Every structure is written in structure tokens, then in C-alpha cells.
Amino acid sequence: MSEDEAVLVIVDAANVVGSVPDGWWRDRRGAAVRLRDSLVPYAAAGLPGLPGPVEIVLVVEGAARGVDPVAGVRVSSAPGSGDDLIAELSAAAGPDRECVVVTADRGLRQRVEAYGARCVGPRTVRPLPPPSERER
């Protein structure tokens, strides 16, 4: 399967990282790197209900810009708003390619759904830690 045939999965790094209060704000770039690395297995395996392989694009912004890509995860640094870049990538996928955006941002969901993208929440790629760890 070519990259253009695989489902395009666009991950809103800021939204996914921000969905778990684990101290990410102390090292935004490090949090984006950890998220990027945790996404690698999904490239081959797919997401729940979406068999792999999939093409994963992690969109970073602000202090997380410049995170390097790794095998299985392309990283796109937004020159401005990450939401704007995610919307552009969703539109560029076109009507013939399935596109899934990972975000809980309601406004962004509306924007990308207008281009035909399907949205799933951050837990799809980042389960919440056990309650004992969330309390720290």
C-alpha cells in the first residue's frame, strides 16, 4: 500500500499532550517527543477500529516546533497556528483519501469535518494514566 493510499492520521500534538496533566507544560518539546515516540507502533498497527498501516502526521506548534520525524511518524511544525496547519492538511487529503484527525478541540473538529475528515479523541492514541498517577 502506498503512502497516498493509507489512511492519513493527523495528530494535534498540543491537544493530545494537553489532555493529560502530567507536567507537560514544564517541557513542551520533550512532551511532543514522547508523544511522537508513542505513536510509532500505530503506523503499522493502526488505531482502534482502523487497521494499519496508516500514515501519521504529528502537528506541533510553539515551543514544540522543530521536533524531528522518526520512522512511521512525520512531524510538521506549524509556522503559526497548529489548528490552521491541521485544517490545511485535512483539506489537502482530498475527498478520495480517508483522513482521521486526533483532537478534542471542538472548533478544529468542525473545521476538518467540513473537508470530510473524521475525528477521534486524544484517548485513541494516549490513554489516561491510572487514577493514582493522575493525582500527582
C-alpha atoms as a PDB file:
ATOM      1  CA  MET A   1       0.000   0.000   0.000  1.00  0.00           C
ATOM      2  CA  SER A   2       1.446   3.371  -0.962  1.00  0.00           C
ATOM      3  CA  GLU A   3       1.529   6.321   1.416  1.00  0.00           C
ATOM      4  CA  ASP A   4      -1.176   8.029  -0.678  1.00  0.00           C
ATOM      5  CA  GLU A   5      -3.492   5.024  -0.202  1.00  0.00           C
ATOM      6  CA  ALA A   6      -3.014   4.644   3.555  1.00  0.00           C
ATOM      7  CA  VAL A   7      -5.421   6.415   5.866  1.00  0.00           C
ATOM      8  CA  LEU A   8      -3.959   9.784   6.865  1.00  0.00           C
ATOM      9  CA  VAL A   9      -3.955  10.246  10.642  1.00  0.00           C
ATOM     10  CA  ILE A  10      -3.232  13.809  11.743  1.00  0.00           C
ATOM     11  CA  VAL A  11      -2.453  14.226  15.431  1.00  0.00           C
ATOM     12  CA  ASP A  12      -2.975  17.585  17.152  1.00  0.00           C
ATOM     13  CA  ALA A  13       0.078  17.396  19.426  1.00  0.00           C
ATOM     14  CA  ALA A  14      -0.862  20.344  21.642  1.00  0.00           C
ATOM     15  CA  ASN A  15      -4.337  18.973  22.262  1.00  0.00           C
ATOM     16  CA  VAL A  16      -3.262  15.381  22.875  1.00  0.00           C
ATOM     17  CA  VAL A  17      -0.342  16.351  25.131  1.00  0.00           C
ATOM     18  CA  GLY A  18      -2.571  18.807  26.997  1.00  0.00           C
ATOM     19  CA  SER A  19      -5.220  16.150  27.623  1.00  0.00           C
ATOM     20  CA  VAL A  20      -3.225  14.635  30.485  1.00  0.00           C
ATOM     21  CA  PRO A  21      -1.964  16.858  33.315  1.00  0.00           C
ATOM     22  CA  ASP A  22       1.384  15.122  33.680  1.00  0.00           C
ATOM     23  CA  GLY A  23       3.636  18.188  33.863  1.00  0.00           C
ATOM     24  CA  TRP A  24       3.954  18.579  30.077  1.00  0.00           C
ATOM     25  CA  TRP A  25       3.974  22.379  30.453  1.00  0.00           C
ATOM     26  CA  ARG A  26       7.440  22.248  32.033  1.00  0.00           C
ATOM     27  CA  ASP A  27       8.924  20.759  28.840  1.00  0.00           C
ATOM     28  CA  ARG A  28       6.608  21.165  25.844  1.00  0.00           C
ATOM     29  CA  ARG A  29       9.200  19.955  23.369  1.00  0.00           C
ATOM     30  CA  GLY A  30      10.003  16.877  25.465  1.00  0.00           C
ATOM     31  CA  ALA A  31       6.283  16.111  25.769  1.00  0.00           C
ATOM     32  CA  ALA A  32       5.932  16.295  21.975  1.00  0.00           C
ATOM     33  CA  VAL A  33       8.911  13.960  21.539  1.00  0.00           C
ATOM     34  CA  ARG A  34       7.387  11.452  23.969  1.00  0.00           C
ATOM     35  CA  LEU A  35       4.065  11.632  22.100  1.00  0.00           C
ATOM     36  CA  ARG A  36       5.833  11.188  18.753  1.00  0.00           C
ATOM     37  CA  ASP A  37       7.624   8.106  20.032  1.00  0.00           C
ATOM     38  CA  SER A  38       4.415   6.634  21.457  1.00  0.00           C
ATOM     39  CA  LEU A  39       2.743   6.980  18.033  1.00  0.00           C
ATOM     40  CA  VAL A  40       5.290   4.810  16.189  1.00  0.00           C
ATOM     41  CA  PRO A  41       3.500   1.462  16.812  1.00  0.00           C
ATOM     42  CA  TYR A  42       0.246   2.892  15.442  1.00  0.00           C
ATOM     43  CA  ALA A  43       1.797   3.448  11.995  1.00  0.00           C
ATOM     44  CA  ALA A  44       1.882  -0.292  11.333  1.00  0.00           C
ATOM     45  CA  ALA A  45      -0.887  -1.487  13.655  1.00  0.00           C
ATOM     46  CA  GLY A  46      -3.431   1.264  13.040  1.00  0.00           C
ATOM     47  CA  LEU A  47      -5.813   2.782  15.562  1.00  0.00           C
ATOM     48  CA  PRO A  48      -8.691   1.094  17.373  1.00  0.00           C
ATOM     49  CA  GLY A  49     -11.231   0.292  14.660  1.00  0.00           C
ATOM     50  CA  LEU A  50      -8.845   1.434  11.922  1.00  0.00           C
ATOM     51  CA  PRO A  51      -6.433  -1.252  10.732  1.00  0.00           C
ATOM     52  CA  GLY A  52      -2.924  -0.318   9.692  1.00  0.00           C
ATOM     53  CA  PRO A  53      -0.805   0.630   8.113  1.00  0.00           C
ATOM     54  CA  VAL A  54      -1.669   4.312   8.435  1.00  0.00           C
ATOM     55  CA  GLU A  55       0.302   7.461   7.652  1.00  0.00           C
ATOM     56  CA  ILE A  56       0.765   9.501  10.828  1.00  0.00           C
ATOM     57  CA  VAL A  57       1.459  13.226  10.802  1.00  0.00           C
ATOM     58  CA  LEU A  58       2.115  14.864  14.171  1.00  0.00           C
ATOM     59  CA  VAL A  59       1.456  18.611  14.031  1.00  0.00           C
ATOM     60  CA  VAL A  60       3.469  20.619  16.548  1.00  0.00           C
ATOM     61  CA  GLU A  61       3.448  24.332  17.299  1.00  0.00           C
ATOM     62  CA  GLY A  62       5.063  26.879  19.569  1.00  0.00           C
ATOM     63  CA  ALA A  63       7.836  25.581  21.829  1.00  0.00           C
ATOM     64  CA  ALA A  64       7.451  22.095  20.336  1.00  0.00           C
ATOM     65  CA  ARG A  65       8.425  23.242  16.828  1.00  0.00           C
ATOM     66  CA  GLY A  66      11.407  21.506  15.311  1.00  0.00           C
ATOM     67  CA  VAL A  67      10.776  18.033  16.702  1.00  0.00           C
ATOM     68  CA  ASP A  68      12.374  15.596  14.264  1.00  0.00           C
ATOM     69  CA  PRO A  69      10.401  12.893  12.462  1.00  0.00           C
ATOM     70  CA  VAL A  70      11.038   9.204  13.110  1.00  0.00           C
ATOM     71  CA  ALA A  71      10.229   6.119  11.077  1.00  0.00           C
ATOM     72  CA  GLY A  72       6.444   5.876  10.984  1.00  0.00           C
ATOM     73  CA  VAL A  73       5.709   9.404  12.199  1.00  0.00           C
ATOM     74  CA  ARG A  74       6.115  12.512  10.073  1.00  0.00           C
ATOM     75  CA  VAL A  75       6.306  15.727  12.093  1.00  0.00           C
ATOM     76  CA  SER A  76       5.006  19.011  10.683  1.00  0.00           C
ATOM     77  CA  SER A  77       5.903  22.206  12.526  1.00  0.00           C
ATOM     78  CA  ALA A  78       3.206  24.834  12.185  1.00  0.00           C
ATOM     79  CA  PRO A  79       4.639  28.253  11.329  1.00  0.00           C
ATOM     80  CA  GLY A  80       1.698  29.778  13.200  1.00  0.00           C
ATOM     81  CA  SER A  81      -1.435  28.070  14.449  1.00  0.00           C
ATOM     82  CA  GLY A  82      -1.334  24.294  14.655  1.00  0.00           C
ATOM     83  CA  ASP A  83      -5.084  24.260  14.003  1.00  0.00           C
ATOM     84  CA  ASP A  84      -4.578  26.109  10.717  1.00  0.00           C
ATOM     85  CA  LEU A  85      -1.972  23.592   9.555  1.00  0.00           C
ATOM     86  CA  ILE A  86      -4.178  20.658  10.570  1.00  0.00           C
ATOM     87  CA  ALA A  87      -7.062  22.156   8.579  1.00  0.00           C
ATOM     88  CA  GLU A  88      -4.757  22.641   5.560  1.00  0.00           C
ATOM     89  CA  LEU A  89      -3.519  19.039   5.749  1.00  0.00           C
ATOM     90  CA  SER A  90      -7.099  17.774   6.044  1.00  0.00           C
ATOM     91  CA  ALA A  91      -8.172  19.780   3.006  1.00  0.00           C
ATOM     92  CA  ALA A  92      -5.141  18.586   1.018  1.00  0.00           C
ATOM     93  CA  ALA A  93      -6.071  14.942   1.679  1.00  0.00           C
ATOM     94  CA  GLY A  94      -8.950  15.467  -0.707  1.00  0.00           C
ATOM     95  CA  PRO A  95     -12.223  13.612  -0.991  1.00  0.00           C
ATOM     96  CA  ASP A  96     -10.674  10.327  -2.142  1.00  0.00           C
ATOM     97  CA  ARG A  97      -8.368   9.731   0.824  1.00  0.00           C
ATOM     98  CA  GLU A  98      -9.609   8.836   4.275  1.00  0.00           C
ATOM     99  CA  CYS A  99      -8.390  11.317   6.873  1.00  0.00           C
ATOM    100  CA  VAL A 100      -8.684  10.994  10.644  1.00  0.00           C
ATOM    101  CA  VAL A 101      -7.802  13.869  12.978  1.00  0.00           C
ATOM    102  CA  VAL A 102      -6.941  13.170  16.603  1.00  0.00           C
ATOM    103  CA  THR A 103      -8.142  16.112  18.697  1.00  0.00           C
ATOM    104  CA  ALA A 104     -10.750  17.099  21.269  1.00  0.00           C
ATOM    105  CA  ASP A 105     -10.823  20.717  20.069  1.00  0.00           C
ATOM    106  CA  ARG A 106     -14.445  21.342  19.030  1.00  0.00           C
ATOM    107  CA  GLY A 107     -13.669  24.246  16.746  1.00  0.00           C
ATOM    108  CA  LEU A 108     -10.960  22.298  14.950  1.00  0.00           C
ATOM    109  CA  ARG A 109     -13.246  19.286  14.658  1.00  0.00           C
ATOM    110  CA  GLN A 110     -15.831  21.411  12.843  1.00  0.00           C
ATOM    111  CA  ARG A 111     -13.205  22.816  10.502  1.00  0.00           C
ATOM    112  CA  VAL A 112     -11.739  19.471   9.448  1.00  0.00           C
ATOM    113  CA  GLU A 113     -15.085  17.686   9.257  1.00  0.00           C
ATOM    114  CA  ALA A 114     -16.058  20.264   6.622  1.00  0.00           C
ATOM    115  CA  TYR A 115     -13.259  18.743   4.489  1.00  0.00           C
ATOM    116  CA  GLY A 116     -14.532  15.220   5.078  1.00  0.00           C
ATOM    117  CA  ALA A 117     -12.149  14.251   7.883  1.00  0.00           C
ATOM    118  CA  ARG A 118     -13.314  12.038  10.722  1.00  0.00           C
ATOM    119  CA  CYS A 119     -12.293  12.974  14.264  1.00  0.00           C
ATOM    120  CA  VAL A 120     -11.344  10.861  17.247  1.00  0.00           C
ATOM    121  CA  GLY A 121     -10.339  11.945  20.734  1.00  0.00           C
ATOM    122  CA  PRO A 122      -6.906  12.012  22.355  1.00  0.00           C
ATOM    123  CA  ARG A 123      -7.545   8.787  24.271  1.00  0.00           C
ATOM    124  CA  THR A 124      -7.407   6.984  20.943  1.00  0.00           C
ATOM    125  CA  VAL A 125      -3.624   7.438  20.978  1.00  0.00           C
ATOM    126  CA  ARG A 126      -2.966   8.379  24.577  1.00  0.00           C
ATOM    127  CA  PRO A 127      -4.912   6.541  27.236  1.00  0.00           C
ATOM    128  CA  LEU A 128      -5.257   8.328  30.539  1.00  0.00           C
ATOM    129  CA  PRO A 129      -2.806   7.168  33.192  1.00  0.00           C
ATOM    130  CA  PRO A 130      -4.202   5.214  36.139  1.00  0.00           C
ATOM    131  CA  PRO A 131      -6.027   7.398  38.705  1.00  0.00           C
ATOM    132  CA  SER A 132      -3.143   7.051  41.184  1.00  0.00           C
ATOM    133  CA  GLU A 133      -0.779   8.729  38.692  1.00  0.00           C
ATOM    134  CA  ARG A 134      -3.277  11.458  37.734  1.00  0.00           C
ATOM    135  CA  GLU A 135      -3.416  12.641  41.351  1.00  0.00           C
ATOM    136  CA  ARG A 136       0.286  13.531  41.432  1.00  0.00           C
END
